[in-house]
N, C-alpha and C. Protein backbone atom coordinates (compact mmCIF):
# COMPACT_ATOMS: atom_id res chain seq x y z
N MET A 1 -12.17 -23.47 8.07
CA MET A 1 -12.15 -22.59 6.92
C MET A 1 -12.79 -21.25 7.30
N VAL A 2 -12.16 -20.17 6.91
CA VAL A 2 -12.69 -18.84 7.22
C VAL A 2 -13.62 -18.38 6.12
N ASP A 3 -14.47 -17.42 6.46
CA ASP A 3 -15.32 -16.78 5.46
C ASP A 3 -14.40 -16.09 4.45
N ARG A 4 -14.56 -16.39 3.18
CA ARG A 4 -13.68 -15.84 2.14
C ARG A 4 -14.07 -14.42 1.74
N ARG A 5 -14.92 -13.78 2.53
CA ARG A 5 -15.33 -12.42 2.21
C ARG A 5 -14.91 -11.46 3.32
N PRO A 6 -13.69 -11.00 3.28
CA PRO A 6 -13.25 -10.04 4.30
C PRO A 6 -14.02 -8.72 4.12
N PRO A 7 -14.04 -7.88 5.16
CA PRO A 7 -14.74 -6.60 5.05
C PRO A 7 -14.21 -5.77 3.88
N GLN A 8 -15.12 -5.06 3.23
CA GLN A 8 -14.76 -4.16 2.14
C GLN A 8 -15.12 -2.73 2.56
N PRO A 9 -14.35 -1.75 2.12
CA PRO A 9 -14.66 -0.37 2.50
C PRO A 9 -15.95 0.10 1.84
N SER A 10 -16.70 0.91 2.56
CA SER A 10 -17.91 1.48 1.99
C SER A 10 -17.53 2.70 1.15
N ALA A 11 -18.42 3.12 0.30
CA ALA A 11 -18.17 4.26 -0.60
C ALA A 11 -17.87 5.54 0.17
N ASP A 12 -18.42 5.69 1.37
CA ASP A 12 -18.17 6.92 2.13
C ASP A 12 -16.76 6.97 2.73
N GLN A 13 -15.98 5.89 2.61
CA GLN A 13 -14.59 5.90 3.08
C GLN A 13 -13.62 6.35 1.98
N ALA A 14 -14.12 6.53 0.76
CA ALA A 14 -13.29 6.97 -0.36
C ALA A 14 -12.97 8.45 -0.22
N PHE A 15 -12.00 8.90 -1.00
CA PHE A 15 -11.68 10.32 -1.03
C PHE A 15 -12.87 11.11 -1.54
N PRO A 16 -13.15 12.26 -0.91
CA PRO A 16 -14.09 13.17 -1.55
C PRO A 16 -13.37 13.78 -2.76
N THR A 17 -14.09 14.10 -3.77
CA THR A 17 -13.45 14.70 -4.94
C THR A 17 -13.92 16.13 -5.12
N SER A 18 -13.04 16.93 -5.68
CA SER A 18 -13.37 18.30 -6.01
C SER A 18 -14.12 18.30 -7.33
N PRO A 19 -14.69 19.43 -7.72
CA PRO A 19 -15.35 19.48 -9.03
C PRO A 19 -14.41 19.11 -10.18
N ALA A 20 -13.11 19.32 -10.00
CA ALA A 20 -12.14 18.97 -11.05
C ALA A 20 -11.82 17.48 -11.04
N GLY A 21 -12.39 16.72 -10.08
CA GLY A 21 -12.16 15.28 -10.01
C GLY A 21 -10.92 14.88 -9.24
N ARG A 22 -10.26 15.83 -8.60
CA ARG A 22 -9.06 15.51 -7.81
C ARG A 22 -9.43 15.19 -6.38
N ALA A 23 -8.61 14.39 -5.74
CA ALA A 23 -8.82 14.06 -4.33
C ALA A 23 -8.59 15.31 -3.49
N ALA A 24 -9.38 15.46 -2.46
CA ALA A 24 -9.23 16.58 -1.54
C ALA A 24 -7.99 16.38 -0.68
N PRO A 25 -7.36 17.48 -0.22
CA PRO A 25 -6.21 17.33 0.68
C PRO A 25 -6.65 16.79 2.04
N PRO A 26 -5.70 16.33 2.87
CA PRO A 26 -6.06 15.79 4.18
C PRO A 26 -6.85 16.82 5.00
N ALA A 27 -7.77 16.32 5.81
CA ALA A 27 -8.60 17.18 6.64
C ALA A 27 -7.96 17.43 8.01
N HIS A 28 -6.71 17.05 8.20
CA HIS A 28 -6.03 17.18 9.48
C HIS A 28 -4.64 17.75 9.25
N PRO A 29 -4.04 18.35 10.28
CA PRO A 29 -2.68 18.87 10.14
C PRO A 29 -1.69 17.75 9.85
N VAL A 30 -0.71 18.05 9.01
CA VAL A 30 0.32 17.08 8.63
C VAL A 30 1.59 17.39 9.43
N ALA A 31 2.20 16.35 10.01
CA ALA A 31 3.44 16.52 10.78
C ALA A 31 4.62 16.71 9.85
N GLN A 32 5.68 17.28 10.39
CA GLN A 32 6.92 17.45 9.63
C GLN A 32 7.52 16.07 9.33
N PRO A 33 8.06 15.89 8.12
CA PRO A 33 8.66 14.60 7.78
C PRO A 33 9.84 14.27 8.69
N LEU A 34 10.05 12.98 8.89
CA LEU A 34 11.18 12.48 9.66
C LEU A 34 12.33 12.13 8.72
N THR A 35 13.51 11.94 9.28
CA THR A 35 14.60 11.39 8.49
C THR A 35 14.29 9.92 8.25
N SER A 36 14.98 9.32 7.31
CA SER A 36 14.71 7.93 6.95
C SER A 36 15.21 6.98 8.04
N ALA A 37 14.37 6.01 8.40
CA ALA A 37 14.73 4.94 9.34
C ALA A 37 13.84 3.75 9.01
N ALA A 38 14.40 2.57 9.08
CA ALA A 38 13.64 1.36 8.74
C ALA A 38 12.48 1.17 9.71
N PRO A 39 11.32 0.75 9.19
CA PRO A 39 10.20 0.42 10.06
C PRO A 39 10.37 -1.00 10.60
N VAL A 40 9.90 -1.23 11.81
CA VAL A 40 10.03 -2.56 12.39
C VAL A 40 8.69 -3.19 12.79
N ARG A 41 7.67 -2.36 13.01
CA ARG A 41 6.38 -2.88 13.46
C ARG A 41 5.27 -1.96 12.97
N LEU A 42 4.12 -2.55 12.64
CA LEU A 42 2.95 -1.80 12.18
C LEU A 42 1.77 -2.18 13.06
N ARG A 43 1.04 -1.15 13.51
CA ARG A 43 -0.17 -1.38 14.31
C ARG A 43 -1.33 -0.60 13.72
N ILE A 44 -2.49 -1.25 13.70
CA ILE A 44 -3.75 -0.58 13.35
C ILE A 44 -4.70 -0.95 14.49
N PRO A 45 -4.74 -0.14 15.55
CA PRO A 45 -5.51 -0.50 16.73
C PRO A 45 -6.99 -0.81 16.46
N ALA A 46 -7.63 -0.10 15.57
CA ALA A 46 -9.07 -0.28 15.34
C ALA A 46 -9.43 -1.68 14.86
N ILE A 47 -8.48 -2.38 14.21
CA ILE A 47 -8.78 -3.72 13.71
C ILE A 47 -7.87 -4.79 14.32
N GLY A 48 -7.17 -4.41 15.39
CA GLY A 48 -6.37 -5.39 16.13
C GLY A 48 -5.10 -5.86 15.45
N VAL A 49 -4.54 -5.06 14.53
CA VAL A 49 -3.30 -5.45 13.86
C VAL A 49 -2.11 -4.99 14.68
N ASP A 50 -1.17 -5.89 14.91
CA ASP A 50 0.10 -5.60 15.56
C ASP A 50 1.09 -6.59 14.95
N ALA A 51 1.82 -6.13 13.92
CA ALA A 51 2.62 -7.06 13.12
C ALA A 51 4.05 -6.56 12.91
N SER A 52 4.97 -7.51 12.85
CA SER A 52 6.33 -7.16 12.45
C SER A 52 6.33 -6.89 10.95
N LEU A 53 7.35 -6.17 10.50
CA LEU A 53 7.46 -5.80 9.08
C LEU A 53 8.69 -6.43 8.46
N ALA A 54 8.49 -7.14 7.37
CA ALA A 54 9.58 -7.74 6.59
C ALA A 54 9.95 -6.78 5.46
N ARG A 55 11.20 -6.80 5.07
CA ARG A 55 11.66 -5.99 3.92
C ARG A 55 11.22 -6.67 2.63
N LEU A 56 10.62 -5.90 1.73
CA LEU A 56 10.16 -6.42 0.45
C LEU A 56 10.89 -5.73 -0.69
N SER A 57 10.96 -6.43 -1.82
CA SER A 57 11.59 -5.88 -3.02
C SER A 57 10.65 -6.09 -4.20
N LEU A 58 11.11 -5.67 -5.37
CA LEU A 58 10.34 -5.84 -6.59
C LEU A 58 10.75 -7.14 -7.28
N ASP A 59 9.82 -7.74 -8.01
CA ASP A 59 10.15 -8.94 -8.79
C ASP A 59 10.70 -8.52 -10.15
N GLU A 60 10.99 -9.50 -11.00
CA GLU A 60 11.59 -9.23 -12.32
C GLU A 60 10.71 -8.35 -13.20
N ALA A 61 9.39 -8.40 -12.99
CA ALA A 61 8.45 -7.60 -13.79
C ALA A 61 8.23 -6.21 -13.19
N GLY A 62 8.86 -5.93 -12.04
CA GLY A 62 8.71 -4.62 -11.41
C GLY A 62 7.55 -4.53 -10.45
N ALA A 63 6.90 -5.66 -10.13
CA ALA A 63 5.80 -5.68 -9.16
C ALA A 63 6.35 -5.95 -7.76
N LEU A 64 5.69 -5.40 -6.77
CA LEU A 64 6.10 -5.61 -5.39
C LEU A 64 5.87 -7.05 -4.98
N ARG A 65 6.90 -7.68 -4.46
CA ARG A 65 6.76 -9.06 -3.96
C ARG A 65 5.94 -9.01 -2.67
N PRO A 66 5.05 -9.98 -2.47
CA PRO A 66 4.28 -10.01 -1.22
C PRO A 66 5.13 -10.56 -0.08
N PRO A 67 4.68 -10.35 1.15
CA PRO A 67 5.37 -10.98 2.28
C PRO A 67 5.29 -12.50 2.15
N PRO A 68 6.17 -13.23 2.81
CA PRO A 68 6.13 -14.69 2.72
C PRO A 68 4.77 -15.22 3.17
N GLU A 69 4.20 -16.15 2.43
CA GLU A 69 2.89 -16.69 2.77
C GLU A 69 2.96 -17.65 3.96
N GLY A 70 4.14 -18.17 4.26
CA GLY A 70 4.29 -19.11 5.37
C GLY A 70 3.89 -18.53 6.71
N ASP A 71 3.98 -17.21 6.87
CA ASP A 71 3.56 -16.55 8.11
C ASP A 71 2.61 -15.42 7.74
N PRO A 72 1.30 -15.71 7.63
CA PRO A 72 0.34 -14.71 7.16
C PRO A 72 0.13 -13.54 8.12
N LYS A 73 0.72 -13.59 9.29
CA LYS A 73 0.56 -12.50 10.26
C LYS A 73 1.68 -11.47 10.16
N VAL A 74 2.61 -11.65 9.22
CA VAL A 74 3.69 -10.69 9.00
C VAL A 74 3.29 -9.76 7.85
N ALA A 75 3.53 -8.48 8.03
CA ALA A 75 3.32 -7.50 6.97
C ALA A 75 4.68 -7.18 6.35
N GLY A 76 4.68 -6.43 5.28
CA GLY A 76 5.94 -6.06 4.65
C GLY A 76 5.93 -4.60 4.23
N TRP A 77 7.13 -4.08 3.98
CA TRP A 77 7.25 -2.71 3.46
C TRP A 77 8.24 -2.73 2.32
N TYR A 78 8.01 -1.85 1.34
CA TYR A 78 8.88 -1.76 0.19
C TYR A 78 10.16 -1.04 0.58
N ALA A 79 11.23 -1.82 0.79
CA ALA A 79 12.50 -1.29 1.30
C ALA A 79 13.24 -0.46 0.26
N GLY A 80 12.87 -0.56 -1.00
CA GLY A 80 13.53 0.25 -2.04
C GLY A 80 12.89 1.62 -2.20
N GLY A 81 11.90 1.93 -1.40
CA GLY A 81 11.19 3.21 -1.51
C GLY A 81 11.35 4.04 -0.26
N THR A 82 10.37 4.84 0.00
CA THR A 82 10.35 5.75 1.14
C THR A 82 10.12 4.98 2.43
N ALA A 83 10.86 5.33 3.47
CA ALA A 83 10.62 4.77 4.80
C ALA A 83 9.43 5.47 5.43
N PRO A 84 8.55 4.76 6.12
CA PRO A 84 7.40 5.40 6.74
C PRO A 84 7.80 6.55 7.67
N GLY A 85 7.20 7.70 7.44
CA GLY A 85 7.48 8.90 8.21
C GLY A 85 8.35 9.90 7.46
N ALA A 86 9.13 9.43 6.49
CA ALA A 86 9.95 10.33 5.68
C ALA A 86 9.07 10.97 4.60
N ARG A 87 9.56 12.03 3.98
CA ARG A 87 8.80 12.69 2.92
C ARG A 87 8.66 11.73 1.74
N GLY A 88 7.44 11.57 1.27
CA GLY A 88 7.15 10.69 0.14
C GLY A 88 6.11 9.65 0.53
N THR A 89 5.92 8.71 -0.35
CA THR A 89 4.90 7.68 -0.14
C THR A 89 5.54 6.36 0.24
N ALA A 90 5.33 5.93 1.47
CA ALA A 90 5.82 4.63 1.95
C ALA A 90 4.74 3.59 1.66
N VAL A 91 5.17 2.38 1.29
CA VAL A 91 4.23 1.33 0.91
C VAL A 91 4.42 0.12 1.82
N THR A 92 3.29 -0.33 2.41
CA THR A 92 3.27 -1.55 3.20
C THR A 92 2.19 -2.46 2.62
N THR A 93 2.37 -3.75 2.82
CA THR A 93 1.41 -4.71 2.29
C THR A 93 1.38 -5.95 3.17
N GLY A 94 0.34 -6.72 3.01
CA GLY A 94 0.21 -7.96 3.76
C GLY A 94 -0.92 -8.79 3.17
N HIS A 95 -0.96 -10.04 3.59
CA HIS A 95 -1.98 -10.96 3.06
C HIS A 95 -3.34 -10.73 3.72
N VAL A 96 -4.39 -10.92 2.94
CA VAL A 96 -5.74 -10.90 3.47
C VAL A 96 -6.07 -12.29 4.05
N ASP A 97 -5.62 -13.32 3.35
CA ASP A 97 -5.76 -14.69 3.83
C ASP A 97 -4.80 -15.57 3.03
N THR A 98 -4.81 -16.86 3.32
CA THR A 98 -3.92 -17.78 2.64
C THR A 98 -4.73 -18.77 1.80
N ARG A 99 -4.05 -19.48 0.95
CA ARG A 99 -4.73 -20.48 0.10
C ARG A 99 -5.40 -21.57 0.92
N ASP A 100 -4.84 -21.86 2.11
CA ASP A 100 -5.45 -22.90 2.95
C ASP A 100 -6.50 -22.34 3.92
N GLY A 101 -6.88 -21.07 3.74
CA GLY A 101 -7.99 -20.50 4.49
C GLY A 101 -7.67 -19.77 5.77
N ARG A 102 -6.39 -19.63 6.12
CA ARG A 102 -6.05 -18.88 7.34
C ARG A 102 -6.16 -17.38 7.07
N ARG A 103 -6.66 -16.65 8.05
CA ARG A 103 -6.74 -15.20 7.93
C ARG A 103 -5.34 -14.60 7.95
N GLY A 104 -5.15 -13.62 7.10
CA GLY A 104 -3.89 -12.91 7.06
C GLY A 104 -3.92 -11.67 7.95
N VAL A 105 -2.78 -11.02 8.05
CA VAL A 105 -2.61 -9.85 8.90
C VAL A 105 -3.60 -8.75 8.53
N PHE A 106 -3.94 -8.60 7.25
CA PHE A 106 -4.82 -7.51 6.83
C PHE A 106 -6.21 -8.00 6.43
N TYR A 107 -6.66 -9.09 7.04
CA TYR A 107 -8.00 -9.62 6.74
C TYR A 107 -9.08 -8.56 6.93
N ARG A 108 -8.95 -7.74 7.96
CA ARG A 108 -9.98 -6.74 8.29
C ARG A 108 -9.63 -5.34 7.78
N LEU A 109 -8.65 -5.21 6.89
CA LEU A 109 -8.22 -3.89 6.43
C LEU A 109 -9.36 -3.08 5.83
N GLY A 110 -10.29 -3.71 5.14
CA GLY A 110 -11.42 -3.00 4.55
C GLY A 110 -12.35 -2.38 5.57
N ALA A 111 -12.21 -2.72 6.85
CA ALA A 111 -13.04 -2.15 7.91
C ALA A 111 -12.42 -0.88 8.51
N VAL A 112 -11.21 -0.52 8.10
CA VAL A 112 -10.57 0.70 8.59
C VAL A 112 -11.39 1.89 8.09
N THR A 113 -11.48 2.94 8.90
CA THR A 113 -12.27 4.11 8.52
C THR A 113 -11.44 5.38 8.55
N LYS A 114 -11.92 6.38 7.86
CA LYS A 114 -11.27 7.70 7.86
C LYS A 114 -11.09 8.17 9.29
N GLY A 115 -9.95 8.78 9.56
CA GLY A 115 -9.65 9.28 10.90
C GLY A 115 -9.00 8.25 11.79
N GLY A 116 -8.99 6.98 11.38
CA GLY A 116 -8.33 5.93 12.14
C GLY A 116 -6.82 6.13 12.15
N LYS A 117 -6.14 5.41 13.00
CA LYS A 117 -4.68 5.55 13.15
C LYS A 117 -3.96 4.30 12.68
N VAL A 118 -2.80 4.54 12.06
CA VAL A 118 -1.83 3.48 11.73
C VAL A 118 -0.53 3.92 12.36
N GLU A 119 0.06 3.06 13.17
CA GLU A 119 1.30 3.39 13.88
C GLU A 119 2.43 2.52 13.36
N ILE A 120 3.56 3.17 13.08
CA ILE A 120 4.73 2.45 12.60
C ILE A 120 5.88 2.71 13.56
N ASP A 121 6.34 1.66 14.26
CA ASP A 121 7.54 1.77 15.08
C ASP A 121 8.74 1.70 14.15
N ARG A 122 9.70 2.58 14.38
CA ARG A 122 10.87 2.68 13.51
C ARG A 122 12.14 2.31 14.27
N ALA A 123 13.17 1.95 13.52
CA ALA A 123 14.45 1.54 14.11
C ALA A 123 15.13 2.67 14.87
N ASP A 124 14.72 3.93 14.64
CA ASP A 124 15.33 5.05 15.34
C ASP A 124 14.68 5.34 16.69
N GLY A 125 13.77 4.45 17.16
CA GLY A 125 13.15 4.61 18.46
C GLY A 125 11.95 5.54 18.47
N ARG A 126 11.48 5.93 17.29
CA ARG A 126 10.29 6.78 17.20
C ARG A 126 9.15 6.01 16.55
N THR A 127 7.94 6.39 16.93
CA THR A 127 6.75 5.83 16.31
C THR A 127 6.11 6.91 15.46
N ALA A 128 5.95 6.62 14.17
CA ALA A 128 5.28 7.53 13.25
C ALA A 128 3.79 7.20 13.31
N VAL A 129 2.98 8.20 13.59
CA VAL A 129 1.53 8.02 13.70
C VAL A 129 0.87 8.64 12.47
N PHE A 130 0.16 7.80 11.74
CA PHE A 130 -0.52 8.24 10.52
C PHE A 130 -2.02 8.26 10.76
N THR A 131 -2.70 9.23 10.16
CA THR A 131 -4.16 9.31 10.21
C THR A 131 -4.71 8.94 8.84
N VAL A 132 -5.72 8.09 8.84
CA VAL A 132 -6.30 7.59 7.59
C VAL A 132 -7.10 8.70 6.90
N ASP A 133 -6.76 8.93 5.63
CA ASP A 133 -7.45 9.92 4.80
C ASP A 133 -8.58 9.28 4.00
N ALA A 134 -8.39 8.04 3.57
CA ALA A 134 -9.38 7.35 2.75
C ALA A 134 -9.04 5.87 2.69
N VAL A 135 -10.06 5.06 2.37
CA VAL A 135 -9.89 3.63 2.13
C VAL A 135 -10.67 3.34 0.86
N GLU A 136 -9.97 2.81 -0.14
CA GLU A 136 -10.62 2.56 -1.43
C GLU A 136 -10.30 1.14 -1.89
N VAL A 137 -11.15 0.61 -2.75
CA VAL A 137 -10.94 -0.71 -3.34
C VAL A 137 -10.94 -0.55 -4.85
N TYR A 138 -10.01 -1.24 -5.51
CA TYR A 138 -9.85 -1.13 -6.97
C TYR A 138 -9.80 -2.51 -7.60
N ASP A 139 -10.36 -2.62 -8.80
CA ASP A 139 -10.17 -3.82 -9.60
C ASP A 139 -8.70 -3.90 -10.00
N LYS A 140 -8.12 -5.10 -9.98
CA LYS A 140 -6.71 -5.24 -10.35
C LYS A 140 -6.46 -4.79 -11.79
N ASP A 141 -7.46 -4.97 -12.66
CA ASP A 141 -7.31 -4.55 -14.06
C ASP A 141 -7.27 -3.04 -14.22
N ARG A 142 -7.78 -2.31 -13.23
CA ARG A 142 -7.82 -0.84 -13.31
C ARG A 142 -7.14 -0.21 -12.10
N PHE A 143 -6.11 -0.86 -11.60
CA PHE A 143 -5.40 -0.37 -10.42
C PHE A 143 -4.72 0.96 -10.75
N PRO A 144 -5.02 2.04 -10.02
CA PRO A 144 -4.45 3.36 -10.32
C PRO A 144 -3.06 3.54 -9.71
N ALA A 145 -2.05 2.94 -10.34
CA ALA A 145 -0.70 2.93 -9.77
C ALA A 145 -0.18 4.34 -9.46
N ALA A 146 -0.43 5.30 -10.34
CA ALA A 146 0.08 6.65 -10.11
C ALA A 146 -0.56 7.26 -8.86
N LYS A 147 -1.84 7.02 -8.66
CA LYS A 147 -2.54 7.54 -7.48
C LYS A 147 -2.05 6.85 -6.22
N VAL A 148 -1.91 5.53 -6.26
CA VAL A 148 -1.53 4.77 -5.08
C VAL A 148 -0.07 5.01 -4.70
N TYR A 149 0.83 4.95 -5.67
CA TYR A 149 2.25 5.03 -5.37
C TYR A 149 2.84 6.43 -5.51
N GLY A 150 2.12 7.31 -6.18
CA GLY A 150 2.62 8.67 -6.40
C GLY A 150 2.65 9.45 -5.10
N GLY A 151 3.44 10.50 -5.09
CA GLY A 151 3.59 11.30 -3.88
C GLY A 151 3.00 12.68 -4.02
N SER A 152 2.82 13.31 -2.89
CA SER A 152 2.29 14.67 -2.83
C SER A 152 3.32 15.63 -2.25
N GLY A 153 4.48 15.09 -1.84
CA GLY A 153 5.46 15.90 -1.15
C GLY A 153 5.29 15.84 0.36
N ARG A 154 4.21 15.20 0.82
CA ARG A 154 3.96 15.02 2.25
C ARG A 154 4.45 13.63 2.67
N PRO A 155 4.66 13.40 3.96
CA PRO A 155 4.95 12.04 4.44
C PRO A 155 3.66 11.23 4.48
N GLU A 156 3.54 10.27 3.57
CA GLU A 156 2.32 9.50 3.42
C GLU A 156 2.60 8.01 3.52
N LEU A 157 1.55 7.25 3.77
CA LEU A 157 1.64 5.80 3.91
C LEU A 157 0.50 5.17 3.13
N ARG A 158 0.82 4.05 2.47
CA ARG A 158 -0.21 3.21 1.85
C ARG A 158 -0.13 1.84 2.50
N VAL A 159 -1.29 1.29 2.85
CA VAL A 159 -1.40 -0.06 3.38
C VAL A 159 -2.28 -0.81 2.38
N ILE A 160 -1.75 -1.88 1.79
CA ILE A 160 -2.41 -2.54 0.66
C ILE A 160 -2.58 -4.03 0.94
N THR A 161 -3.74 -4.56 0.56
CA THR A 161 -3.98 -6.00 0.59
C THR A 161 -4.92 -6.35 -0.55
N CYS A 162 -5.15 -7.63 -0.73
CA CYS A 162 -6.11 -8.07 -1.74
C CYS A 162 -7.52 -7.76 -1.25
N GLY A 163 -8.45 -7.62 -2.19
CA GLY A 163 -9.83 -7.34 -1.82
C GLY A 163 -10.73 -7.41 -3.02
N GLY A 164 -11.93 -6.91 -2.86
CA GLY A 164 -12.91 -6.98 -3.92
C GLY A 164 -13.46 -8.39 -4.02
N PRO A 165 -14.18 -8.68 -5.10
CA PRO A 165 -14.76 -10.02 -5.24
C PRO A 165 -13.68 -11.09 -5.39
N ALA A 166 -13.96 -12.25 -4.84
CA ALA A 166 -13.05 -13.39 -4.98
C ALA A 166 -13.55 -14.27 -6.12
N GLY A 167 -12.61 -14.75 -6.92
CA GLY A 167 -12.95 -15.64 -8.02
C GLY A 167 -12.15 -16.92 -7.91
N GLY A 168 -12.16 -17.71 -8.97
CA GLY A 168 -11.45 -18.98 -8.98
C GLY A 168 -9.96 -18.85 -8.80
N THR A 169 -9.38 -17.71 -9.18
CA THR A 169 -7.93 -17.53 -9.07
C THR A 169 -7.54 -16.57 -7.96
N GLY A 170 -8.47 -16.23 -7.09
CA GLY A 170 -8.17 -15.32 -5.99
C GLY A 170 -8.97 -14.04 -6.06
N TYR A 171 -8.53 -13.06 -5.33
CA TYR A 171 -9.24 -11.78 -5.29
C TYR A 171 -9.01 -11.01 -6.58
N ARG A 172 -10.00 -10.26 -6.97
CA ARG A 172 -9.93 -9.51 -8.23
C ARG A 172 -9.59 -8.04 -8.03
N GLY A 173 -9.25 -7.68 -6.81
CA GLY A 173 -8.96 -6.28 -6.53
C GLY A 173 -8.00 -6.11 -5.38
N ASN A 174 -7.84 -4.86 -4.99
CA ASN A 174 -6.98 -4.49 -3.87
C ASN A 174 -7.68 -3.45 -3.02
N VAL A 175 -7.53 -3.58 -1.70
CA VAL A 175 -7.95 -2.55 -0.76
C VAL A 175 -6.72 -1.71 -0.46
N VAL A 176 -6.87 -0.39 -0.52
CA VAL A 176 -5.77 0.53 -0.26
C VAL A 176 -6.19 1.53 0.80
N VAL A 177 -5.41 1.60 1.88
CA VAL A 177 -5.59 2.63 2.90
C VAL A 177 -4.59 3.74 2.60
N TYR A 178 -5.08 4.97 2.52
CA TYR A 178 -4.24 6.16 2.33
C TYR A 178 -4.17 6.88 3.67
N ALA A 179 -2.95 7.18 4.13
CA ALA A 179 -2.80 7.85 5.42
C ALA A 179 -1.66 8.86 5.34
N THR A 180 -1.74 9.89 6.19
CA THR A 180 -0.76 10.96 6.23
C THR A 180 -0.17 11.05 7.64
N LEU A 181 1.12 11.33 7.73
CA LEU A 181 1.79 11.47 9.03
C LEU A 181 1.19 12.65 9.79
N THR A 182 0.70 12.39 11.00
CA THR A 182 0.12 13.46 11.82
C THR A 182 0.77 13.58 13.20
N GLY A 183 1.66 12.66 13.53
CA GLY A 183 2.31 12.74 14.83
C GLY A 183 3.50 11.82 14.93
N VAL A 184 4.35 12.11 15.90
CA VAL A 184 5.54 11.31 16.17
C VAL A 184 5.70 11.26 17.68
N ARG A 185 6.04 10.09 18.19
CA ARG A 185 6.28 9.94 19.62
C ARG A 185 7.39 8.91 19.82
N PRO A 186 7.99 8.86 21.00
CA PRO A 186 8.97 7.82 21.28
C PRO A 186 8.27 6.47 21.27
N THR A 187 8.94 5.45 20.76
CA THR A 187 8.40 4.10 20.77
C THR A 187 8.41 3.59 22.20
N THR A 188 7.31 3.03 22.62
CA THR A 188 7.22 2.47 23.97
C THR A 188 7.45 0.97 23.91
N ALA A 189 8.03 0.43 24.96
CA ALA A 189 8.26 -1.03 25.03
C ALA A 189 6.92 -1.74 25.10
N ARG A 190 6.80 -2.85 24.42
CA ARG A 190 5.54 -3.62 24.41
C ARG A 190 5.79 -4.97 25.00
């Protein structure tokens, strides 16, 4: 059985806010958006993530379906939205752990820090490199959908998993990594 308390982001990993209460823009140059291409692999070197990406859709209530629980090391991306690297907000998600106690692909997501890298290999042979702008945790009852899923006109990425305190029915929150496209390179064979 694993420790049911995965790392949580510290307050200093959140967005700085302006006096008007808005999030500050990225502190790094933003790369030009790419054309749309399906993502095939996601890497977060700082926490040892190297995962294939499954296509995800919405359920009948309009919520994003999670990746299959049978393979907790697979992440997913919302195939009905923006492809990672294209203009807009691309959404990826994965399990923090499973009901039987196995660690999921994003068990350590709360340990990601500002300035870290998220790499997405795409079907067009390019790797979109994103730089982390912030890592925040939200109660599920107060999840800021417009902030998380809304766009800025830049090529952005969200990486989402469960987080916050765990209760009898699971985690009561979500950890969200916000990242902006800062580079593109040819995908290298692994």
